[in-house]
Amino acid sequence: MKADNLTVDTDSANTGSMGEKLLISGDQIALRMWDEKPGDAEKKSSRMSSYETVGYVIEGRAELTIDGKALLLEPGVSWIVPQNSEHSYRILEPFRAVEATHPPARGYRTGQ
C-alpha cells in the first residue's frame, strides 16, 4: 500500500452501493461507516455475506435480525454477523455505526 493511501478522511471517502461510507481497506480487513435514517434499511432485502462483520453503535437505534433472531443495537453496543448468516437491519432512529469486515467487504481497496 502506498504511503498516500494510509489514511482516508470521512468527507472524501467513497460511498458504497448500500449507502455506507467506505472508510479504509487493507488486504485482510475493511472499515466502513453507516449514517442512516428510519426507513433507509427497508429498501434493502435480507442478505447473506461472504465476509464476517463486527460493528459498534455510535448513536441511534436499529434492529438487527440474524438467522431469525432480532437484536437491539443502541449506543455503546457491539455486534457480530457471522459469515454466511442471513441478516437484515431496520433503522429505528437516526443511526450511526462503524463496521469492520473480514475479508474486506466487496473487495474495495483504498485508492482504487
Protein backbone atom coordinates (compact mmCIF):
# COMPACT_ATOMS: atom_id res chain seq x y z
CA MET A 1 0.00 0.00 0.00
CA LYS A 2 1.37 3.42 -0.91
CA ALA A 3 2.00 5.96 1.86
CA ASP A 4 -0.63 8.35 0.45
CA ASN A 5 -3.28 5.60 0.88
CA LEU A 6 -2.71 5.00 4.61
CA THR A 7 -5.43 7.44 5.74
CA VAL A 8 -8.88 8.42 4.48
CA ASP A 9 -10.88 11.48 5.54
CA THR A 10 -14.56 10.63 6.16
CA ASP A 11 -15.73 13.54 4.00
CA SER A 12 -13.76 12.29 0.99
CA ALA A 13 -14.48 8.55 1.47
CA ASN A 14 -16.31 6.78 -1.35
CA THR A 15 -19.93 5.74 -0.83
CA GLY A 16 -20.77 2.08 -1.35
CA SER A 17 -23.75 0.58 -3.15
CA MET A 18 -25.78 0.31 0.09
CA GLY A 19 -25.12 3.91 1.21
CA GLU A 20 -22.20 3.14 3.52
CA LYS A 21 -19.01 5.22 3.67
CA LEU A 22 -16.07 3.06 2.57
CA LEU A 23 -13.53 4.38 5.04
CA ILE A 24 -10.41 2.28 4.50
CA SER A 25 -9.39 -1.21 3.48
CA GLY A 26 -6.29 -3.31 3.76
CA ASP A 27 -5.56 -6.79 2.47
CA GLN A 28 -7.32 -8.56 5.36
CA ILE A 29 -9.89 -6.13 6.83
CA ALA A 30 -12.03 -3.15 5.82
CA LEU A 31 -13.72 -0.37 7.80
CA ARG A 32 -16.94 1.37 6.84
CA MET A 33 -19.41 3.77 8.46
CA TRP A 34 -23.21 3.80 8.31
CA ASP A 35 -25.19 7.01 8.75
CA GLU A 36 -28.85 6.14 8.16
CA LYS A 37 -32.35 7.39 8.91
CA PRO A 38 -35.50 5.38 9.71
CA GLY A 39 -36.79 3.75 6.54
CA ASP A 40 -33.36 3.51 4.85
CA ALA A 41 -32.86 -0.20 5.59
CA GLU A 42 -36.37 -1.12 4.39
CA LYS A 43 -35.02 -0.58 0.87
CA LYS A 44 -32.53 -3.42 1.43
CA SER A 45 -33.53 -7.06 1.45
CA SER A 46 -32.29 -9.71 3.85
CA ARG A 47 -28.89 -10.94 2.72
CA MET A 48 -26.00 -13.30 3.35
CA SER A 49 -22.44 -12.00 3.14
CA SER A 50 -19.28 -13.87 2.26
CA TYR A 51 -17.44 -11.91 4.97
CA GLU A 52 -17.71 -11.63 8.78
CA THR A 53 -18.81 -8.25 10.18
CA VAL A 54 -18.24 -6.69 13.59
CA GLY A 55 -19.76 -3.33 14.43
CA TYR A 56 -20.15 -0.66 17.10
CA VAL A 57 -23.06 1.79 17.51
CA ILE A 58 -22.07 5.44 17.92
CA GLU A 59 -25.59 6.89 18.06
CA GLY A 60 -29.21 5.97 17.34
CA ARG A 61 -31.02 2.65 17.40
CA ALA A 62 -31.58 -0.16 14.94
CA GLU A 63 -32.88 -3.71 14.96
CA LEU A 64 -30.58 -6.36 13.54
CA THR A 65 -32.10 -9.73 12.68
CA ILE A 66 -29.63 -12.62 12.29
CA ASP A 67 -30.96 -16.02 11.24
CA GLY A 68 -34.42 -15.04 12.55
CA LYS A 69 -33.24 -13.65 15.93
CA ALA A 70 -33.88 -9.90 16.48
CA LEU A 71 -31.27 -7.87 18.39
CA LEU A 72 -31.48 -4.23 19.50
CA LEU A 73 -28.49 -2.08 18.53
CA GLU A 74 -28.08 1.14 20.53
CA PRO A 75 -25.19 3.41 21.56
CA GLY A 76 -22.31 1.52 23.13
CA VAL A 77 -23.43 -1.88 21.79
CA SER A 78 -21.12 -4.00 19.62
CA TRP A 79 -22.34 -6.81 17.35
CA ILE A 80 -21.16 -9.55 15.06
CA VAL A 81 -22.73 -11.00 11.92
CA PRO A 82 -21.04 -14.32 11.19
CA GLN A 83 -20.02 -15.09 7.62
CA ASN A 84 -22.88 -16.59 5.54
CA SER A 85 -25.59 -15.74 8.13
CA GLU A 86 -28.87 -14.36 6.81
CA HIS A 87 -29.35 -10.87 8.23
CA SER A 88 -31.26 -7.60 7.86
CA TYR A 89 -31.41 -4.22 9.58
CA ARG A 90 -34.34 -1.96 10.45
CA ILE A 91 -33.38 1.60 11.42
CA LEU A 92 -35.47 2.81 14.37
CA GLU A 93 -33.99 6.31 14.75
CA PRO A 94 -31.12 8.21 13.09
CA PHE A 95 -28.28 5.69 13.30
CA ARG A 96 -24.50 5.96 13.07
CA ALA A 97 -22.19 2.97 13.42
CA VAL A 98 -18.83 1.68 12.26
CA GLU A 99 -18.19 -1.84 11.00
CA ALA A 100 -15.12 -3.87 10.19
CA THR A 101 -15.34 -6.74 7.70
CA HIS A 102 -13.04 -9.70 7.14
CA PRO A 103 -12.18 -10.37 4.44
CA PRO A 104 -12.81 -6.83 3.14
CA ALA A 105 -16.43 -6.35 2.03
CA ARG A 106 -16.80 -6.40 -1.77
CA GLY A 107 -13.03 -6.28 -2.11
CA TYR A 108 -12.80 -2.49 -2.32
CA ARG A 109 -9.37 -1.06 -1.70
CA THR A 110 -8.37 2.42 -0.62
CA GLY A 111 -7.11 4.42 -3.57
CA GLN A 112 -8.87 2.39 -6.28
